[in-house]
Protein backbone atom coordinates (compact mmCIF):
# COMPACT_ATOMS: atom_id res chain seq x y z
CA UNK A 1 -34.81 7.93 25.44
CA UNK A 2 -37.70 8.98 23.52
CA UNK A 3 -40.71 7.25 25.33
CA UNK A 4 -41.08 7.46 29.06
CA UNK A 5 -43.86 6.08 31.38
CA UNK A 6 -43.36 9.11 34.03
CA UNK A 7 -47.16 10.67 33.28
CA UNK A 8 -47.19 13.64 30.71
CA UNK A 9 -43.80 15.65 32.04
CA UNK A 10 -42.30 14.98 28.41
CA UNK A 11 -41.24 18.65 27.41
CA UNK A 12 -44.55 20.03 25.88
CA UNK A 13 -44.31 16.32 24.43
CA UNK A 14 -41.21 17.49 22.73
CA UNK A 15 -43.38 18.41 19.74
CA UNK A 16 -43.86 14.78 18.81
CA UNK A 17 -40.50 13.35 18.45
CA UNK A 18 -38.45 16.48 17.40
CA UNK A 19 -39.83 16.47 13.79
CA UNK A 20 -40.95 12.70 13.26
CA UNK A 21 -44.72 13.51 13.16
CA UNK A 22 -43.92 16.97 10.96
CA UNK A 23 -41.99 15.06 8.65
CA UNK A 24 -44.96 12.64 8.21
CA UNK A 25 -47.43 15.15 7.94
CA UNK A 26 -45.91 17.21 5.24
CA UNK A 27 -45.08 14.34 2.85
CA UNK A 28 -48.81 13.40 3.49
CA UNK A 29 -50.73 16.78 2.94
CA UNK A 30 -48.51 17.22 -0.23
CA UNK A 31 -49.76 14.00 -1.55
CA UNK A 32 -53.51 14.03 -0.45
CA UNK A 33 -53.30 17.70 -2.00
CA UNK A 34 -51.72 16.47 -5.14
CA UNK A 35 -54.44 13.80 -5.51
CA UNK A 36 -57.18 16.94 -5.09
CA UNK A 37 -55.44 19.02 -7.79
CA UNK A 38 -55.16 15.81 -10.34
CA UNK A 39 -59.11 15.23 -9.87
CA UNK A 40 -61.48 17.86 -10.47
CA UNK A 41 -64.02 19.04 -7.95
CA UNK A 42 -67.31 17.17 -7.49
CA UNK A 43 -65.55 14.33 -9.20
CA UNK A 44 -65.33 11.96 -6.43
CA UNK A 45 -67.98 9.39 -5.18
CA UNK A 46 -70.80 11.24 -3.83
CA UNK A 47 -68.66 14.35 -3.40
CA UNK A 48 -71.67 16.41 -4.74
CA UNK A 49 -73.82 15.45 -2.09
CA UNK A 50 -70.93 15.64 0.32
CA UNK A 51 -70.37 19.00 -0.78
CA UNK A 52 -73.90 20.59 -0.79
CA UNK A 53 -74.30 18.79 2.83
CA UNK A 54 -71.15 20.77 4.20
CA UNK A 55 -72.75 24.20 2.59
CA UNK A 56 -75.89 24.04 4.09
CA UNK A 57 -74.33 23.19 7.13
CA UNK A 58 -72.24 26.28 7.15
CA UNK A 59 -75.56 28.67 6.91
CA UNK A 60 -76.81 26.50 9.75
CA UNK A 61 -79.20 23.98 8.47
CA UNK A 62 -77.62 21.25 10.56
CA UNK A 63 -80.45 18.66 10.12
CA UNK A 64 -82.95 19.56 7.21
CA UNK A 65 -86.24 18.95 7.10
CA UNK A 66 -87.78 15.55 6.72
CA UNK A 67 -89.67 14.89 3.54
CA UNK A 68 -91.22 11.68 2.53
CA UNK A 69 -90.02 9.69 -0.35
CA UNK A 70 -90.52 6.01 -2.26
CA UNK A 71 -87.14 5.91 -0.61
CA UNK A 72 -88.36 6.31 2.99
CA UNK A 73 -88.38 9.55 4.84
CA UNK A 74 -85.16 11.63 3.58
CA UNK A 75 -84.06 15.64 4.67
CA UNK A 76 -84.40 18.49 2.66
CA UNK A 77 -81.56 20.93 2.78
CA UNK A 78 -81.30 24.38 1.48
CA UNK A 79 -78.24 24.71 -0.99
CA UNK A 80 -77.10 27.62 -3.18
CA UNK A 81 -78.54 27.26 -6.82
CA UNK A 82 -75.13 27.78 -8.49
CA UNK A 83 -73.17 25.17 -6.60
CA UNK A 84 -76.30 22.56 -7.07
CA UNK A 85 -76.20 23.46 -11.04
CA UNK A 86 -72.60 22.89 -11.28
CA UNK A 87 -72.94 19.42 -9.12
CA UNK A 88 -75.26 18.46 -12.22
CA UNK A 89 -73.02 19.98 -14.69
CA UNK A 90 -70.31 17.78 -13.55
CA UNK A 91 -72.39 14.75 -15.29
CA UNK A 92 -71.07 15.04 -18.17
CA UNK A 93 -68.09 12.83 -17.57
CA UNK A 94 -69.05 10.86 -14.60
CA UNK A 95 -68.97 7.16 -15.29
CA UNK A 96 -67.93 8.29 -19.21
CA UNK A 97 -63.92 7.64 -18.35
CA UNK A 98 -63.04 8.86 -22.05
CA UNK A 99 -64.81 12.31 -21.84
CA UNK A 100 -62.57 14.69 -19.61
CA UNK A 101 -64.16 17.35 -17.18
CA UNK A 102 -63.58 20.25 -19.87
CA UNK A 103 -67.18 19.48 -21.02
CA UNK A 104 -68.64 21.11 -18.14
CA UNK A 105 -70.33 24.03 -19.04
CA UNK A 106 -70.21 27.47 -17.07
CA UNK A 107 -72.61 28.40 -14.53
CA UNK A 108 -74.16 31.95 -14.34
CA UNK A 109 -76.75 31.40 -11.25
CA UNK A 110 -76.55 32.93 -8.27
CA UNK A 111 -76.96 32.06 -4.32
CA UNK A 112 -80.17 32.23 -4.33
CA UNK A 113 -81.42 28.73 -1.96
CA UNK A 114 -83.22 25.79 -3.37
CA UNK A 115 -84.16 22.56 -1.97
CA UNK A 116 -82.42 19.19 -2.38
CA UNK A 117 -83.03 16.03 -1.11
CA UNK A 118 -80.02 14.94 0.63
CA UNK A 119 -79.55 11.36 2.50
CA UNK A 120 -76.15 12.98 3.66
CA UNK A 121 -77.85 14.83 6.16
CA UNK A 122 -78.30 11.97 8.57
CA UNK A 123 -74.60 11.52 8.98
CA UNK A 124 -72.83 12.79 11.70
CA UNK A 125 -72.22 16.63 11.24
CA UNK A 126 -68.62 17.07 12.49
CA UNK A 127 -66.47 16.26 9.35
CA UNK A 128 -68.76 18.75 7.45
CA UNK A 129 -68.62 21.39 10.48
CA UNK A 130 -64.98 21.23 10.00
CA UNK A 131 -64.56 21.12 6.04
CA UNK A 132 -67.20 23.65 5.43
CA UNK A 133 -65.08 26.61 7.59
CA UNK A 134 -63.83 28.01 4.25
CA UNK A 135 -67.24 28.04 2.41
CA UNK A 136 -68.73 31.35 4.25
CA UNK A 137 -65.57 33.24 2.97
CA UNK A 138 -64.55 31.96 -0.59
CA UNK A 139 -67.58 30.70 -2.74
CA UNK A 140 -68.20 28.60 -6.14
CA UNK A 141 -65.05 26.01 -7.37
CA UNK A 142 -62.45 28.14 -5.39
CA UNK A 143 -64.25 27.76 -1.90
CA UNK A 144 -64.44 23.62 -3.26
CA UNK A 145 -60.94 23.40 -3.21
CA UNK A 146 -60.29 25.28 -0.02
CA UNK A 147 -62.84 22.48 1.27
CA UNK A 148 -60.76 19.60 -0.37
CA UNK A 149 -57.55 21.28 1.41
CA UNK A 150 -58.95 21.27 4.89
CA UNK A 151 -60.11 17.77 4.55
CA UNK A 152 -56.31 17.00 3.45
CA UNK A 153 -54.84 18.70 6.72
CA UNK A 154 -57.39 16.77 8.79
CA UNK A 155 -56.26 13.24 7.12
CA UNK A 156 -52.25 14.27 7.04
CA UNK A 157 -52.47 14.78 10.52
CA UNK A 158 -53.99 11.67 11.12
CA UNK A 159 -52.28 9.58 9.34
CA UNK A 160 -48.59 11.03 10.48
CA UNK A 161 -50.27 10.33 13.74
CA UNK A 162 -50.46 6.74 13.05
CA UNK A 163 -47.00 6.43 11.24
CA UNK A 164 -45.44 8.10 14.40
CA UNK A 165 -47.10 5.83 16.71
CA UNK A 166 -46.00 2.81 14.22
CA UNK A 167 -42.08 4.25 14.81
CA UNK A 168 -42.65 3.56 18.54
CA UNK A 169 -42.50 -0.16 17.61
CA UNK A 170 -40.35 -0.46 14.71
CA UNK A 171 -39.85 -0.51 10.98
CA UNK A 172 -42.22 -3.68 10.01
CA UNK A 173 -45.06 -1.84 12.27
CA UNK A 174 -44.32 1.37 9.84
CA UNK A 175 -44.65 -0.76 6.78
CA UNK A 176 -47.80 -2.45 8.04
CA UNK A 177 -49.27 1.25 8.51
CA UNK A 178 -48.20 2.20 4.84
CA UNK A 179 -49.83 -0.93 3.33
CA UNK A 180 -53.34 -0.24 5.32
CA UNK A 181 -52.43 3.42 3.64
CA UNK A 182 -53.83 2.14 0.41
CA UNK A 183 -54.00 4.62 -2.81
CA UNK A 184 -57.79 4.70 -2.18
CA UNK A 185 -57.17 6.47 1.38
CA UNK A 186 -54.89 9.15 0.09
CA UNK A 187 -57.34 9.68 -2.60
CA UNK A 188 -60.09 10.40 -0.33
CA UNK A 189 -57.72 12.82 1.61
CA UNK A 190 -57.80 14.82 -1.35
CA UNK A 191 -61.87 15.19 -2.15
CA UNK A 192 -64.64 15.96 0.24
CA UNK A 193 -66.14 13.03 1.78
CA UNK A 194 -66.43 12.01 5.56
CA UNK A 195 -65.06 8.60 4.52
CA UNK A 196 -61.10 10.63 4.51
CA UNK A 197 -62.07 11.18 8.16
CA UNK A 198 -63.32 7.97 9.58
CA UNK A 199 -60.23 5.80 7.58
CA UNK A 200 -57.66 7.70 8.36
CA UNK A 201 -58.63 8.29 12.01
CA UNK A 202 -59.37 4.54 12.20
CA UNK A 203 -55.71 3.81 11.04
CA UNK A 204 -54.42 6.10 13.71
CA UNK A 205 -56.40 4.01 16.26
CA UNK A 206 -55.31 0.76 15.09
CA UNK A 207 -51.86 2.15 15.18
CA UNK A 208 -51.67 3.91 18.47
CA UNK A 209 -53.84 0.96 20.24
CA UNK A 210 -50.81 -0.98 19.23
CA UNK A 211 -48.07 0.91 20.21
CA UNK A 212 -49.53 1.14 23.58
CA UNK A 213 -49.23 -2.56 23.76
CA UNK A 214 -45.93 -3.23 22.03
CA UNK A 215 -43.57 -0.08 22.04
CA UNK A 216 -40.84 -0.23 24.36
CA UNK A 217 -42.38 2.09 26.88
CA UNK A 218 -45.14 4.43 26.77
CA UNK A 219 -46.42 8.19 27.75
CA UNK A 220 -49.33 10.44 27.22
CA UNK A 221 -48.36 10.82 23.61
CA UNK A 222 -49.43 7.54 22.35
CA UNK A 223 -52.38 7.89 24.48
CA UNK A 224 -53.51 11.21 23.50
CA UNK A 225 -52.96 9.88 19.54
CA UNK A 226 -55.40 6.87 20.78
CA UNK A 227 -57.81 9.28 22.37
CA UNK A 228 -58.28 11.90 19.80
CA UNK A 229 -58.11 9.86 16.73
CA UNK A 230 -61.03 7.20 18.45
CA UNK A 231 -63.10 10.45 19.22
CA UNK A 232 -62.88 11.59 15.73
CA UNK A 233 -63.39 8.29 14.25
CA UNK A 234 -66.75 7.66 16.06
CA UNK A 235 -68.15 10.79 15.45
CA UNK A 236 -67.49 10.40 11.58
CA UNK A 237 -69.56 7.84 10.27
CA UNK A 238 -72.77 5.75 11.47
CA UNK A 239 -70.38 2.36 11.61
CA UNK A 240 -67.23 3.85 13.07
CA UNK A 241 -67.66 3.18 16.30
CA UNK A 242 -67.88 -0.54 15.95
CA UNK A 243 -64.45 -0.13 13.76
CA UNK A 244 -62.88 2.13 16.32
CA UNK A 245 -63.66 0.19 18.99
CA UNK A 246 -62.83 -3.05 17.36
CA UNK A 247 -59.07 -1.47 16.98
CA UNK A 248 -59.19 -0.92 20.47
CA UNK A 249 -60.12 -4.29 21.24
CA UNK A 250 -57.39 -5.92 19.28
CA UNK A 251 -54.61 -3.64 21.01
CA UNK A 252 -56.12 -4.79 24.34
CA UNK A 253 -55.36 -8.69 22.90
CA UNK A 254 -51.63 -7.35 22.31
CA UNK A 255 -50.88 -6.09 25.30
CA UNK A 256 -49.24 -8.00 28.25
CA UNK A 257 -51.08 -7.37 31.60
CA UNK A 258 -48.35 -5.49 33.05
CA UNK A 259 -48.21 -3.20 30.29
CA UNK A 260 -52.12 -2.50 30.88
CA UNK A 261 -51.30 -1.83 35.03
CA UNK A 262 -48.25 0.20 33.89
CA UNK A 263 -50.74 2.55 31.73
CA UNK A 264 -53.49 2.35 34.15
CA UNK A 265 -51.21 3.95 36.47
CA UNK A 266 -50.83 6.88 34.51
CA UNK A 267 -51.18 10.30 35.94
CA UNK A 268 -53.76 11.44 33.39
CA UNK A 269 -54.98 7.46 32.37
CA UNK A 270 -58.57 8.02 33.71
CA UNK A 271 -59.13 11.43 32.26
CA UNK A 272 -58.18 10.27 28.98
CA UNK A 273 -60.45 7.13 29.35
CA UNK A 274 -63.22 9.66 30.64
CA UNK A 275 -62.26 11.74 27.01
CA UNK A 276 -63.16 8.27 24.97
CA UNK A 277 -66.28 7.53 26.35
CA UNK A 278 -67.42 10.82 26.13
CA UNK A 279 -66.87 11.08 22.73
CA UNK A 280 -68.94 8.04 22.58
CA UNK A 281 -72.06 9.95 23.75
CA UNK A 282 -72.72 12.77 20.47
CA UNK A 283 -72.22 9.79 18.15
CA UNK A 284 -74.88 7.67 20.15
CA UNK A 285 -76.97 10.46 20.59
CA UNK A 286 -77.14 11.51 16.73
CA UNK A 287 -77.73 7.96 15.87
CA UNK A 288 -80.45 7.15 17.91
CA UNK A 289 -81.99 10.80 17.06
CA UNK A 290 -81.35 11.55 13.16
CA UNK A 291 -78.85 8.75 11.81
CA UNK A 292 -81.41 6.12 11.09
CA UNK A 293 -82.92 5.48 7.37
CA UNK A 294 -85.82 3.75 6.60
CA UNK A 295 -86.30 0.47 5.31
CA UNK A 296 -86.82 0.78 1.50
CA UNK A 297 -89.74 -1.30 -0.15
CA UNK A 298 -88.44 -4.20 -2.39
CA UNK A 299 -84.58 -3.58 -0.89
CA UNK A 300 -85.14 -7.49 0.61
CA UNK A 301 -83.24 -10.26 -1.33
CA UNK A 302 -81.52 -13.53 -0.09
CA UNK A 303 -78.31 -12.97 0.72
CA UNK A 304 -75.91 -15.89 1.70
CA UNK A 305 -72.78 -16.10 3.26
CA UNK A 306 -71.08 -17.62 -0.27
CA UNK A 307 -72.57 -14.35 -1.72
CA UNK A 308 -70.17 -12.36 0.49
CA UNK A 309 -67.33 -14.76 -0.07
CA UNK A 310 -67.70 -14.25 -3.75
CA UNK A 311 -67.77 -10.37 -3.13
CA UNK A 312 -64.81 -9.83 -1.20
CA UNK A 313 -62.21 -9.73 -4.60
CA UNK A 314 -64.62 -7.26 -5.76
CA UNK A 315 -64.35 -4.90 -2.04
CA UNK A 316 -60.28 -4.97 -2.55
CA UNK A 317 -60.29 -3.90 -5.95
CA UNK A 318 -62.26 -0.87 -4.97
CA UNK A 319 -60.63 -0.47 -1.54
CA UNK A 320 -56.98 -0.51 -3.04
CA UNK A 321 -57.12 1.55 -6.37
CA UNK A 322 -60.61 2.30 -7.97
CA UNK A 323 -61.22 5.79 -8.68
CA UNK A 324 -63.97 8.26 -9.56
CA UNK A 325 -67.05 6.76 -10.11
CA UNK A 326 -66.00 3.41 -10.77
CA UNK A 327 -64.21 4.58 -13.48
CA UNK A 328 -60.14 3.97 -13.06
CA UNK A 329 -59.30 0.78 -12.09
CA UNK A 330 -55.65 0.39 -11.77
CA UNK A 331 -54.27 -3.25 -12.01
CA UNK A 332 -50.74 -2.50 -11.42
CA UNK A 333 -51.25 -1.16 -8.22
CA UNK A 334 -53.69 -3.52 -6.99
CA UNK A 335 -51.69 -6.63 -7.65
CA UNK A 336 -48.66 -5.03 -6.03
CA UNK A 337 -50.46 -4.11 -2.99
CA UNK A 338 -51.84 -7.60 -2.86
CA UNK A 339 -48.64 -9.04 -2.96
CA UNK A 340 -46.69 -6.51 -0.47
CA UNK A 341 -49.83 -7.36 1.61
CA UNK A 342 -49.86 -11.35 1.24
CA UNK A 343 -45.60 -11.03 1.84
CA UNK A 344 -46.62 -8.72 4.91
CA UNK A 345 -48.85 -11.37 6.37
CA UNK A 346 -46.77 -14.63 5.73
CA UNK A 347 -43.77 -12.52 7.47
CA UNK A 348 -45.72 -12.12 10.40
CA UNK A 349 -47.63 -15.37 10.79
CA UNK A 350 -43.63 -16.62 10.39
CA UNK A 351 -42.48 -14.83 13.48
CA UNK A 352 -45.68 -14.86 15.58
CA UNK A 353 -45.81 -16.60 19.06
CA UNK A 354 -49.02 -18.44 19.13
CA UNK A 355 -50.74 -15.72 21.16
CA UNK A 356 -49.71 -13.40 18.78
CA UNK A 357 -50.75 -16.04 15.47
CA UNK A 358 -54.31 -16.13 17.17
CA UNK A 359 -54.91 -12.50 17.55
CA UNK A 360 -53.86 -11.92 13.75
CA UNK A 361 -55.75 -14.90 12.46
CA UNK A 362 -58.95 -13.77 14.97
CA UNK A 363 -58.54 -9.72 12.95
CA UNK A 364 -58.87 -11.69 9.57
CA UNK A 365 -61.79 -13.55 10.37
CA UNK A 366 -62.85 -10.44 11.81
CA UNK A 367 -62.22 -8.65 8.77
CA UNK A 368 -63.99 -10.89 6.78
CA UNK A 369 -67.27 -12.18 8.50
CA UNK A 370 -67.99 -8.72 10.03
CA UNK A 371 -69.53 -7.25 6.59
CA UNK A 372 -71.29 -10.13 5.58
CA UNK A 373 -72.70 -10.74 9.16
CA UNK A 374 -73.55 -7.03 8.90
CA UNK A 375 -75.56 -7.76 5.70
CA UNK A 376 -77.27 -11.18 6.39
CA UNK A 377 -79.11 -9.63 9.80
CA UNK A 378 -80.10 -6.43 7.90
CA UNK A 379 -83.40 -6.20 5.85
CA UNK A 380 -81.66 -5.00 2.61
CA UNK A 381 -78.18 -6.61 1.74
CA UNK A 382 -75.69 -4.07 2.65
CA UNK A 383 -72.54 -6.03 1.63
CA UNK A 384 -73.81 -6.98 -1.58
CA UNK A 385 -74.01 -2.62 -2.38
CA UNK A 386 -71.58 -0.87 -0.17
CA UNK A 387 -68.19 -0.22 -2.00
CA UNK A 388 -64.94 -0.99 -1.03
CA UNK A 389 -63.77 2.26 1.25
CA UNK A 390 -66.90 1.17 3.47
CA UNK A 391 -64.74 -1.62 5.24
CA UNK A 392 -61.59 0.04 5.00
CA UNK A 393 -61.77 1.22 8.53
CA UNK A 394 -61.91 -2.27 9.87
CA UNK A 395 -59.74 -4.44 6.96
CA UNK A 396 -56.50 -2.04 7.56
CA UNK A 397 -56.54 -3.37 10.65
CA UNK A 398 -55.18 -6.59 9.50
CA UNK A 399 -51.99 -5.00 8.12
CA UNK A 400 -51.06 -2.87 11.06
CA UNK A 401 -51.27 -5.93 13.37
CA UNK A 402 -49.33 -8.02 11.12
CA UNK A 403 -46.77 -5.19 11.04
CA UNK A 404 -46.61 -5.00 14.55
CA UNK A 405 -46.03 -8.88 15.12
CA UNK A 406 -43.50 -8.81 12.60
CA UNK A 407 -41.78 -6.30 14.87
CA UNK A 408 -42.52 -7.50 18.60
CA UNK A 409 -43.18 -11.08 18.38
CA UNK A 410 -40.08 -13.14 17.50
CA UNK A 411 -38.17 -11.69 14.91
CA UNK A 412 -35.37 -14.42 15.02
CA UNK A 413 -37.64 -17.15 13.92
CA UNK A 414 -37.17 -16.14 9.81
CA UNK A 415 -33.98 -14.63 8.36
CA UNK A 416 -33.54 -13.26 4.96
CA UNK A 417 -30.59 -13.23 2.52
CA UNK A 418 -31.68 -9.69 1.80
CA UNK A 419 -33.24 -6.71 3.68
CA UNK A 420 -37.02 -7.62 2.56
CA UNK A 421 -38.46 -4.42 4.23
CA UNK A 422 -36.95 -1.78 1.43
CA UNK A 423 -38.09 -3.92 -1.11
CA UNK A 424 -41.70 -3.86 0.25
CA UNK A 425 -41.71 -0.22 0.57
CA UNK A 426 -40.54 0.38 -2.77
CA UNK A 427 -43.45 -1.96 -3.93
CA UNK A 428 -45.79 0.31 -1.95
CA UNK A 429 -44.21 2.96 -3.52
CA UNK A 430 -44.79 1.96 -7.26
CA UNK A 431 -48.64 0.81 -6.66
CA UNK A 432 -49.39 4.74 -5.32
CA UNK A 433 -47.13 6.35 -8.14
CA UNK A 434 -49.14 3.85 -11.05
CA UNK A 435 -52.61 4.80 -9.21
CA UNK A 436 -51.90 8.48 -8.96
CA UNK A 437 -50.11 8.81 -12.57
CA UNK A 438 -53.39 6.73 -14.08
CA UNK A 439 -56.28 8.43 -12.54
CA UNK A 440 -54.41 12.44 -12.92
CA UNK A 441 -54.29 10.99 -17.16
CA UNK A 442 -57.96 9.76 -17.04
CA UNK A 443 -59.05 13.58 -16.24
CA UNK A 444 -56.46 15.28 -18.04
CA UNK A 445 -56.83 13.54 -21.38
CA UNK A 446 -59.59 10.55 -21.08
CA UNK A 447 -58.84 6.98 -20.03
CA UNK A 448 -57.80 6.41 -23.61
CA UNK A 449 -55.73 9.33 -24.44
CA UNK A 450 -51.90 9.56 -24.50
CA UNK A 451 -49.64 8.22 -21.73
CA UNK A 452 -47.62 11.21 -21.90
CA UNK A 453 -50.76 13.36 -21.08
CA UNK A 454 -48.96 15.75 -19.15
CA UNK A 455 -47.87 17.89 -22.46
CA UNK A 456 -51.04 18.48 -24.02
CA UNK A 457 -53.83 17.93 -21.72
CA UNK A 458 -57.64 18.42 -22.66
CA UNK A 459 -58.40 19.44 -18.84
CA UNK A 460 -56.11 20.49 -16.11
CA UNK A 461 -57.12 21.82 -12.57
CA UNK A 462 -55.81 24.71 -10.55
CA UNK A 463 -51.96 23.77 -11.49
CA UNK A 464 -50.79 22.52 -14.95
CA UNK A 465 -50.39 18.99 -15.25
CA UNK A 466 -46.96 18.52 -14.88
CA UNK A 467 -46.62 20.25 -11.92
CA UNK A 468 -49.52 17.88 -10.49
CA UNK A 469 -47.49 15.11 -11.42
CA UNK A 470 -44.07 16.51 -10.19
CA UNK A 471 -45.50 17.34 -6.88
CA UNK A 472 -47.39 13.84 -6.55
CA UNK A 473 -44.19 11.69 -7.71
CA UNK A 474 -41.95 13.76 -5.32
CA UNK A 475 -44.67 13.29 -2.45
CA UNK A 476 -44.75 9.38 -3.32
CA UNK A 477 -40.81 9.06 -3.45
CA UNK A 478 -40.54 11.02 -0.19
CA UNK A 479 -43.06 8.98 1.43
CA UNK A 480 -41.50 5.73 0.24
CA UNK A 481 -37.85 6.85 1.14
CA UNK A 482 -39.50 7.57 5.04
CA UNK A 483 -41.45 4.17 4.76
CA UNK A 484 -37.91 2.15 3.66
CA UNK A 485 -35.49 4.08 5.84
CA UNK A 486 -37.45 4.66 9.29
CA UNK A 487 -35.72 4.13 12.10
CA UNK A 488 -37.37 2.73 15.48
CA UNK A 489 -38.40 6.25 17.94
CA UNK A 490 -37.39 3.77 20.91
CA UNK A 491 -35.36 0.64 21.48
CA UNK A 492 -36.65 -2.58 20.29
CA UNK A 493 -38.95 -4.42 23.02
CA UNK A 494 -37.01 -7.19 24.71
CA UNK A 495 -38.56 -10.28 23.12
CA UNK A 496 -38.22 -12.38 26.17
CA UNK A 497 -40.15 -10.00 28.50
CA UNK A 498 -42.80 -9.51 25.75
CA UNK A 499 -43.18 -13.50 25.55
CA UNK A 500 -43.10 -14.24 29.43
CA UNK A 501 -45.80 -11.11 29.37
CA UNK A 502 -47.98 -12.70 26.73
CA UNK A 503 -48.25 -15.86 27.68
CA UNK A 504 -49.32 -14.86 31.47
């Protein structure tokens, strides 16, 4: 038996399932790293600002010095002139998808410090402190590549924990995590942006909370994943506390009462719960002291519920496969991802008992309504301007909950003439490949360049384009096989026991 309920004596946690976590981790780390090599440094959304913030923090400038501007009070941070000029030089190709990064001029400036306005200095410092570790040792472009590698390590570790937790429930749960891990998630895993930590940690919270609710048996490993990912998530960005708490709430709604009593009876449960509560303290303190932005004059506009609903198709595109500074929108990936997601939701609702169907419907309503409501109650219409990635820590929950219900609610309700899961996993893999190859082509030869871009690229990163394409394609194939051939780490839940418990 893989899992046990007897406290924490699981042979040192058997290092997370005898290599199961490691297989996911290596695959995801290679894929995130391939994304980092396929895209030039400072090319991601706000990546230049996040890199400057991380470098300033590595020099001890945590909060900056506030200055009044037409956009409210913003912090001023001290950054090296060389990095600042490099970020400005990268503007030659941003928002110009036909231009490659070969246009970037060389920068000869030194490391003398210059002040610069940075709204990112109001963001929680945890992510920046982690990715800035190599900056004091290696500077310039090499240091920024190392920052990307550290970010890829964090994202891969959290996503691997999510897949590991899902495998404790069943194959459909693994597919749910795979659907939640859109190409945008892995793209963010390859650049420097705190959204990478927030989204990956949120996926791990959703998956581990669901596993605690519906795995056949539980032990401290799942609780450790839930608490550690929750702590990282709530300290990553300002809205992350709500997103992570929504994931915990969904897990509790899926959890039978007997399971809740079982978890509360675990030897170290109270310690883990206390750790989760303590992790909220720095997030709340930072948000209260430093994280608030001033209201911007002139930003008030009438924003209605219908405006919010009309925005959703755009957000789906941006959260699935729209890369760079809105430069590359991969329709093949978007349409494939939508088809797989709708198929998973249909299977989940078809198999759901009444209670589970209500939980899934509730998650979908929250996913749709919360961003609109936030914008309607704020002075400025946040939902009208924020990109699709901002809501991903919440929207990923729909796919994960759907996978859990397809596994553990009432699978016998619907039978298939052929096994659908490998087909859906292949759709996920194809969507990942189209997104990766198209984005790599945009930077190598421009959006209108040759399809076989890797034969004669105009721009290439630290690795040749052929090597990057091979690395990314191999990792995508490995990920697809892991999803399609995943096996439960414990026996499937007893459906009668689940049904009786959820109807209490």
